[in-house]
Every structure is written in structure tokens, then in C-alpha cells.
Amino acid sequence: MRKILIIKFSAIGDVVESLPVAAALKELYKDGCEITWITKKCHMCLLENNEFIDKIICFEDINVFSIIKRNF
């Protein structure tokens, strides 16, 4: 299974405009992929309950580089 990491934690509009990427990736990799999205805490509500995003990580709570090294 492919693991895909989307890092988008800038402006709220950038996060909203990037949402279709998750759906497109799930469509592209029909054989299976796991999508993890790293964002700011204030943007997490936009991503929760999205059927195309498997994991959401809060940027303020973690060291991004340790997550990338451990999982990707």
C-alpha cells in the first residue's frame, strides 16, 4: 500500500483548495493508499470526517521531520 503525506498548513484557502487532491489520489491509486495530512490545529476541522483522508496530524503538536522519517 502506498503512503502519501500532504503537508498544507498555510492559509485556510490553501487548505480548502487542496482538499480535492485527496480524492484524486484515492481515485488514482484504487489498489489502495493511505493519506496522512499535516496541518495547523485551526484547520483540522476542515479535514475531519473527510472520507479520503485516513490520518490528520496537528502541526503544532509534533516535530514534522520526525513523523516523516518514521512513517515515510
PDB file of N, CA and C in Angstrom:
ATOM      1  N   MET A   1       0.839  -1.181   0.000  1.00  0.00           N
ATOM      2  CA  MET A   1       0.000   0.000   0.000  1.00  0.00           C
ATOM      3  C   MET A   1       0.882   1.242   0.000  1.00  0.00           C
ATOM      4  N   ARG A   2       0.490   2.219  -0.769  1.00  0.00           N
ATOM      5  CA  ARG A   2       1.219   3.485  -0.818  1.00  0.00           C
ATOM      6  C   ARG A   2       0.845   4.340   0.388  1.00  0.00           C
ATOM      7  N   LYS A   3       1.841   5.047   0.903  1.00  0.00           N
ATOM      8  CA  LYS A   3       1.603   6.028   1.957  1.00  0.00           C
ATOM      9  C   LYS A   3       1.898   7.398   1.370  1.00  0.00           C
ATOM     10  N   ILE A   4       0.935   8.286   1.482  1.00  0.00           N
ATOM     11  CA  ILE A   4       1.062   9.624   0.901  1.00  0.00           C
ATOM     12  C   ILE A   4       0.895  10.643   2.010  1.00  0.00           C
ATOM     13  N   LEU A   5       1.804  11.603   2.044  1.00  0.00           N
ATOM     14  CA  LEU A   5       1.759  12.662   3.045  1.00  0.00           C
ATOM     15  C   LEU A   5       1.491  13.989   2.355  1.00  0.00           C
ATOM     16  N   ILE A   6       0.440  14.663   2.811  1.00  0.00           N
ATOM     17  CA  ILE A   6       0.127  16.009   2.321  1.00  0.00           C
ATOM     18  C   ILE A   6       0.435  16.970   3.459  1.00  0.00           C
ATOM     19  N   ILE A   7       1.295  17.928   3.182  1.00  0.00           N
ATOM     20  CA  ILE A   7       1.642  18.941   4.177  1.00  0.00           C
ATOM     21  C   ILE A   7       1.096  20.267   3.674  1.00  0.00           C
ATOM     22  N   LYS A   8       0.067  20.745   4.343  1.00  0.00           N
ATOM     23  CA  LYS A   8      -0.545  22.008   3.938  1.00  0.00           C
ATOM     24  C   LYS A   8      -1.053  22.684   5.196  1.00  0.00           C
ATOM     25  N   PHE A   9      -0.307  23.675   5.662  1.00  0.00           N
ATOM     26  CA  PHE A   9      -0.722  24.351   6.888  1.00  0.00           C
ATOM     27  C   PHE A   9      -0.628  25.864   6.785  1.00  0.00           C
ATOM     28  N   SER A  10      -0.686  26.367   5.571  1.00  0.00           N
ATOM     29  CA  SER A  10      -0.637  27.824   5.432  1.00  0.00           C
ATOM     30  C   SER A  10      -2.051  28.396   5.584  1.00  0.00           C
ATOM     31  N   ALA A  11      -2.469  29.216   4.689  1.00  0.00           N
ATOM     32  CA  ALA A  11      -3.761  29.901   4.806  1.00  0.00           C
ATOM     33  C   ALA A  11      -4.926  28.924   4.644  1.00  0.00           C
ATOM     34  N   ILE A  12      -6.041  29.273   5.234  1.00  0.00           N
ATOM     35  CA  ILE A  12      -7.228  28.413   5.198  1.00  0.00           C
ATOM     36  C   ILE A  12      -7.682  28.159   3.759  1.00  0.00           C
ATOM     37  N   GLY A  13      -7.567  29.153   2.905  1.00  0.00           N
ATOM     38  CA  GLY A  13      -7.940  28.979   1.500  1.00  0.00           C
ATOM     39  C   GLY A  13      -7.078  27.958   0.790  1.00  0.00           C
ATOM     40  N   ASP A  14      -5.796  27.921   1.122  1.00  0.00           N
ATOM     41  CA  ASP A  14      -4.894  26.931   0.536  1.00  0.00           C
ATOM     42  C   ASP A  14      -5.299  25.515   0.936  1.00  0.00           C
ATOM     43  N   VAL A  15      -5.700  25.355   2.181  1.00  0.00           N
ATOM     44  CA  VAL A  15      -6.141  24.042   2.658  1.00  0.00           C
ATOM     45  C   VAL A  15      -7.416  23.629   1.926  1.00  0.00           C
ATOM     46  N   VAL A  16      -8.375  24.534   1.828  1.00  0.00           N
ATOM     47  CA  VAL A  16      -9.643  24.232   1.156  1.00  0.00           C
ATOM     48  C   VAL A  16      -9.408  23.878  -0.315  1.00  0.00           C
ATOM     49  N   GLU A  17      -8.566  24.645  -0.991  1.00  0.00           N
ATOM     50  CA  GLU A  17      -8.300  24.386  -2.402  1.00  0.00           C
ATOM     51  C   GLU A  17      -7.537  23.085  -2.620  1.00  0.00           C
ATOM     52  N   SER A  18      -6.862  22.586  -1.597  1.00  0.00           N
ATOM     53  CA  SER A  18      -6.099  21.343  -1.712  1.00  0.00           C
ATOM     54  C   SER A  18      -6.924  20.099  -1.406  1.00  0.00           C
ATOM     55  N   LEU A  19      -8.103  20.252  -0.863  1.00  0.00           N
ATOM     56  CA  LEU A  19      -8.935  19.106  -0.496  1.00  0.00           C
ATOM     57  C   LEU A  19      -9.201  18.130  -1.649  1.00  0.00           C
ATOM     58  N   PRO A  20      -9.462  18.591  -2.866  1.00  0.00           N
ATOM     59  CA  PRO A  20      -9.708  17.643  -3.960  1.00  0.00           C
ATOM     60  C   PRO A  20      -8.512  16.738  -4.278  1.00  0.00           C
ATOM     61  N   VAL A  21      -7.331  17.117  -3.840  1.00  0.00           N
ATOM     62  CA  VAL A  21      -6.149  16.291  -4.082  1.00  0.00           C
ATOM     63  C   VAL A  21      -6.297  14.919  -3.424  1.00  0.00           C
ATOM     64  N   ALA A  22      -6.836  14.877  -2.224  1.00  0.00           N
ATOM     65  CA  ALA A  22      -7.009  13.604  -1.521  1.00  0.00           C
ATOM     66  C   ALA A  22      -7.946  12.691  -2.296  1.00  0.00           C
ATOM     67  N   ALA A  23      -9.043  13.221  -2.775  1.00  0.00           N
ATOM     68  CA  ALA A  23      -9.986  12.412  -3.555  1.00  0.00           C
ATOM     69  C   ALA A  23      -9.348  11.924  -4.854  1.00  0.00           C
ATOM     70  N   ALA A  24      -8.595  12.789  -5.502  1.00  0.00           N
ATOM     71  CA  ALA A  24      -7.941  12.412  -6.759  1.00  0.00           C
ATOM     72  C   ALA A  24      -6.900  11.313  -6.531  1.00  0.00           C
ATOM     73  N   LEU A  25      -6.180  11.386  -5.424  1.00  0.00           N
ATOM     74  CA  LEU A  25      -5.186  10.349  -5.125  1.00  0.00           C
ATOM     75  C   LEU A  25      -5.850   9.011  -4.832  1.00  0.00           C
ATOM     76  N   LYS A  26      -6.946   9.025  -4.098  1.00  0.00           N
ATOM     77  CA  LYS A  26      -7.676   7.777  -3.829  1.00  0.00           C
ATOM     78  C   LYS A  26      -8.194   7.179  -5.132  1.00  0.00           C
ATOM     79  N   GLU A  27      -8.629   8.012  -6.045  1.00  0.00           N
ATOM     80  CA  GLU A  27      -9.107   7.537  -7.346  1.00  0.00           C
ATOM     81  C   GLU A  27      -7.949   6.984  -8.182  1.00  0.00           C
ATOM     82  N   LEU A  28      -6.830   7.661  -8.148  1.00  0.00           N
ATOM     83  CA  LEU A  28      -5.658   7.238  -8.917  1.00  0.00           C
ATOM     84  C   LEU A  28      -5.108   5.902  -8.424  1.00  0.00           C
ATOM     85  N   TYR A  29      -5.024   5.742  -7.118  1.00  0.00           N
ATOM     86  CA  TYR A  29      -4.468   4.527  -6.524  1.00  0.00           C
ATOM     87  C   TYR A  29      -5.595   3.658  -5.974  1.00  0.00           C
ATOM     88  N   LYS A  30      -6.391   3.129  -6.864  1.00  0.00           N
ATOM     89  CA  LYS A  30      -7.538   2.314  -6.471  1.00  0.00           C
ATOM     90  C   LYS A  30      -7.126   1.041  -5.743  1.00  0.00           C
ATOM     91  N   ASP A  31      -5.891   0.611  -5.965  1.00  0.00           N
ATOM     92  CA  ASP A  31      -5.401  -0.591  -5.288  1.00  0.00           C
ATOM     93  C   ASP A  31      -5.086  -0.324  -3.823  1.00  0.00           C
ATOM     94  N   GLY A  32      -5.170   0.922  -3.413  1.00  0.00           N
ATOM     95  CA  GLY A  32      -5.006   1.273  -2.009  1.00  0.00           C
ATOM     96  C   GLY A  32      -3.915   2.289  -1.752  1.00  0.00           C
ATOM     97  N   CYS A  33      -4.242   3.269  -0.942  1.00  0.00           N
ATOM     98  CA  CYS A  33      -3.262   4.228  -0.468  1.00  0.00           C
ATOM     99  C   CYS A  33      -3.759   4.789   0.857  1.00  0.00           C
ATOM    100  N   GLU A  34      -2.810   5.166   1.684  1.00  0.00           N
ATOM    101  CA  GLU A  34      -3.129   5.780   2.975  1.00  0.00           C
ATOM    102  C   GLU A  34      -2.688   7.230   2.915  1.00  0.00           C
ATOM    103  N   ILE A  35      -3.631   8.130   3.115  1.00  0.00           N
ATOM    104  CA  ILE A  35      -3.329   9.557   3.029  1.00  0.00           C
ATOM    105  C   ILE A  35      -3.293  10.145   4.433  1.00  0.00           C
ATOM    106  N   THR A  36      -2.156  10.739   4.746  1.00  0.00           N
ATOM    107  CA  THR A  36      -1.971  11.460   6.004  1.00  0.00           C
ATOM    108  C   THR A  36      -1.809  12.931   5.660  1.00  0.00           C
ATOM    109  N   TRP A  37      -2.475  13.782   6.420  1.00  0.00           N
ATOM    110  CA  TRP A  37      -2.444  15.223   6.162  1.00  0.00           C
ATOM    111  C   TRP A  37      -1.934  15.915   7.421  1.00  0.00           C
ATOM    112  N   ILE A  38      -0.905  16.728   7.258  1.00  0.00           N
ATOM    113  CA  ILE A  38      -0.380  17.532   8.362  1.00  0.00           C
ATOM    114  C   ILE A  38      -0.855  18.967   8.164  1.00  0.00           C
ATOM    115  N   THR A  39      -1.457  19.522   9.218  1.00  0.00           N
ATOM    116  CA  THR A  39      -1.969  20.888   9.126  1.00  0.00           C
ATOM    117  C   THR A  39      -1.936  21.544  10.500  1.00  0.00           C
ATOM    118  N   LYS A  40      -2.264  22.814  10.528  1.00  0.00           N
ATOM    119  CA  LYS A  40      -2.363  23.530  11.802  1.00  0.00           C
ATOM    120  C   LYS A  40      -3.640  23.126  12.522  1.00  0.00           C
ATOM    121  N   LYS A  41      -3.617  23.276  13.824  1.00  0.00           N
ATOM    122  CA  LYS A  41      -4.770  22.917  14.644  1.00  0.00           C
ATOM    123  C   LYS A  41      -6.027  23.661  14.207  1.00  0.00           C
ATOM    124  N   CYS A  42      -5.877  24.915  13.835  1.00  0.00           N
ATOM    125  CA  CYS A  42      -7.040  25.725  13.456  1.00  0.00           C
ATOM    126  C   CYS A  42      -7.683  25.262  12.143  1.00  0.00           C
ATOM    127  N   HIS A  43      -6.986  24.446  11.353  1.00  0.00           N
ATOM    128  CA  HIS A  43      -7.526  23.954  10.085  1.00  0.00           C
ATOM    129  C   HIS A  43      -8.033  22.517  10.175  1.00  0.00           C
ATOM    130  N   MET A  44      -7.850  21.870  11.315  1.00  0.00           N
ATOM    131  CA  MET A  44      -8.210  20.457  11.427  1.00  0.00           C
ATOM    132  C   MET A  44      -9.702  20.210  11.204  1.00  0.00           C
ATOM    133  N   CYS A  45     -10.539  21.151  11.587  1.00  0.00           N
ATOM    134  CA  CYS A  45     -11.987  20.967  11.418  1.00  0.00           C
ATOM    135  C   CYS A  45     -12.374  20.842   9.946  1.00  0.00           C
ATOM    136  N   LEU A  46     -11.571  21.382   9.042  1.00  0.00           N
ATOM    137  CA  LEU A  46     -11.846  21.272   7.613  1.00  0.00           C
ATOM    138  C   LEU A  46     -11.573  19.863   7.090  1.00  0.00           C
ATOM    139  N   LEU A  47     -10.724  19.126   7.788  1.00  0.00           N
ATOM    140  CA  LEU A  47     -10.283  17.818   7.307  1.00  0.00           C
ATOM    141  C   LEU A  47     -10.966  16.653   8.001  1.00  0.00           C
ATOM    142  N   GLU A  48     -11.459  16.894   9.212  1.00  0.00           N
ATOM    143  CA  GLU A  48     -12.099  15.818   9.971  1.00  0.00           C
ATOM    144  C   GLU A  48     -13.316  15.298   9.221  1.00  0.00           C
ATOM    145  N   ASN A  49     -13.528  14.009   9.304  1.00  0.00           N
ATOM    146  CA  ASN A  49     -14.658  13.321   8.657  1.00  0.00           C
ATOM    147  C   ASN A  49     -14.600  13.352   7.135  1.00  0.00           C
ATOM    148  N   ASN A  50     -13.438  13.636   6.579  1.00  0.00           N
ATOM    149  CA  ASN A  50     -13.266  13.564   5.130  1.00  0.00           C
ATOM    150  C   ASN A  50     -12.970  12.110   4.781  1.00  0.00           C
ATOM    151  N   GLU A  51     -13.796  11.515   3.953  1.00  0.00           N
ATOM    152  CA  GLU A  51     -13.670  10.093   3.651  1.00  0.00           C
ATOM    153  C   GLU A  51     -12.385   9.734   2.906  1.00  0.00           C
ATOM    154  N   PHE A  52     -11.701  10.713   2.358  1.00  0.00           N
ATOM    155  CA  PHE A  52     -10.493  10.448   1.581  1.00  0.00           C
ATOM    156  C   PHE A  52      -9.208  10.612   2.390  1.00  0.00           C
ATOM    157  N   ILE A  53      -9.304  11.132   3.598  1.00  0.00           N
ATOM    158  CA  ILE A  53      -8.132  11.356   4.446  1.00  0.00           C
ATOM    159  C   ILE A  53      -8.154  10.340   5.578  1.00  0.00           C
ATOM    160  N   ASP A  54      -7.075   9.564   5.687  1.00  0.00           N
ATOM    161  CA  ASP A  54      -7.022   8.496   6.685  1.00  0.00           C
ATOM    162  C   ASP A  54      -6.521   8.972   8.040  1.00  0.00           C
ATOM    163  N   LYS A  55      -5.537   9.876   8.041  1.00  0.00           N
ATOM    164  CA  LYS A  55      -4.973  10.379   9.298  1.00  0.00           C
ATOM    165  C   LYS A  55      -4.756  11.879   9.180  1.00  0.00           C
ATOM    166  N   ILE A  56      -4.974  12.576  10.288  1.00  0.00           N
ATOM    167  CA  ILE A  56      -4.705  14.015  10.361  1.00  0.00           C
ATOM    168  C   ILE A  56      -3.748  14.234  11.520  1.00  0.00           C
ATOM    169  N   ILE A  57      -2.686  14.966  11.253  1.00  0.00           N
ATOM    170  CA  ILE A  57      -1.694  15.261  12.285  1.00  0.00           C
ATOM    171  C   ILE A  57      -1.639  16.771  12.473  1.00  0.00           C
ATOM    172  N   CYS A  58      -1.696  17.184  13.720  1.00  0.00           N
ATOM    173  CA  CYS A  58      -1.632  18.604  14.056  1.00  0.00           C
ATOM    174  C   CYS A  58      -0.175  19.060  14.059  1.00  0.00           C
ATOM    175  N   PHE A  59       0.130  20.067  13.259  1.00  0.00           N
ATOM    176  CA  PHE A  59       1.498  20.566  13.125  1.00  0.00           C
ATOM    177  C   PHE A  59       2.060  21.100  14.434  1.00  0.00           C
ATOM    178  N   GLU A  60       1.240  21.768  15.237  1.00  0.00           N
ATOM    179  CA  GLU A  60       1.741  22.368  16.461  1.00  0.00           C
ATOM    180  C   GLU A  60       2.131  21.333  17.509  1.00  0.00           C
ATOM    181  N   ASP A  61       1.589  20.127  17.389  1.00  0.00           N
ATOM    182  CA  ASP A  61       1.811  19.098  18.399  1.00  0.00           C
ATOM    183  C   ASP A  61       2.996  18.175  18.114  1.00  0.00           C
ATOM    184  N   ILE A  62       3.582  18.282  16.948  1.00  0.00           N
ATOM    185  CA  ILE A  62       4.609  17.301  16.585  1.00  0.00           C
ATOM    186  C   ILE A  62       5.817  17.956  15.925  1.00  0.00           C
ATOM    187  N   ASN A  63       6.856  17.169  15.820  1.00  0.00           N
ATOM    188  CA  ASN A  63       8.013  17.546  15.032  1.00  0.00           C
ATOM    189  C   ASN A  63       7.809  16.912  13.657  1.00  0.00           C
ATOM    190  N   VAL A  64       7.526  17.715  12.644  1.00  0.00           N
ATOM    191  CA  VAL A  64       7.179  17.217  11.313  1.00  0.00           C
ATOM    192  C   VAL A  64       8.236  16.271  10.779  1.00  0.00           C
ATOM    193  N   PHE A  65       9.491  16.606  10.948  1.00  0.00           N
ATOM    194  CA  PHE A  65      10.551  15.795  10.370  1.00  0.00           C
ATOM    195  C   PHE A  65      10.658  14.427  11.024  1.00  0.00           C
ATOM    196  N   SER A  66      10.362  14.319  12.296  1.00  0.00           N
ATOM    197  CA  SER A  66      10.388  13.002  12.953  1.00  0.00           C
ATOM    198  C   SER A  66       9.242  12.135  12.435  1.00  0.00           C
ATOM    199  N   ILE A  67       8.074  12.729  12.175  1.00  0.00           N
ATOM    200  CA  ILE A  67       6.947  11.977  11.629  1.00  0.00           C
ATOM    201  C   ILE A  67       7.296  11.463  10.232  1.00  0.00           C
ATOM    202  N   ILE A  68       7.857  12.315   9.413  1.00  0.00           N
ATOM    203  CA  ILE A  68       8.217  11.919   8.046  1.00  0.00           C
ATOM    204  C   ILE A  68       9.241  10.790   8.090  1.00  0.00           C
ATOM    205  N   LYS A  69      10.257  10.937   8.884  1.00  0.00           N
ATOM    206  CA  LYS A  69      11.318   9.924   8.961  1.00  0.00           C
ATOM    207  C   LYS A  69      10.773   8.590   9.445  1.00  0.00           C
ATOM    208  N   ARG A  70       9.869   8.615  10.390  1.00  0.00           N
ATOM    209  CA  ARG A  70       9.330   7.387  10.994  1.00  0.00           C
ATOM    210  C   ARG A  70       8.323   6.692  10.084  1.00  0.00           C
ATOM    211  N   ASN A  71       7.554   7.442   9.292  1.00  0.00           N
ATOM    212  CA  ASN A  71       6.439   6.858   8.559  1.00  0.00           C
ATOM    213  C   ASN A  71       6.578   6.812   7.052  1.00  0.00           C
ATOM    214  N   PHE A  72       7.522   7.551   6.496  1.00  0.00           N
ATOM    215  CA  PHE A  72       7.557   7.629   5.034  1.00  0.00           C
ATOM    216  C   PHE A  72       8.903   7.340   4.473  1.00  0.00           C
TER     217      PHE A  72
END
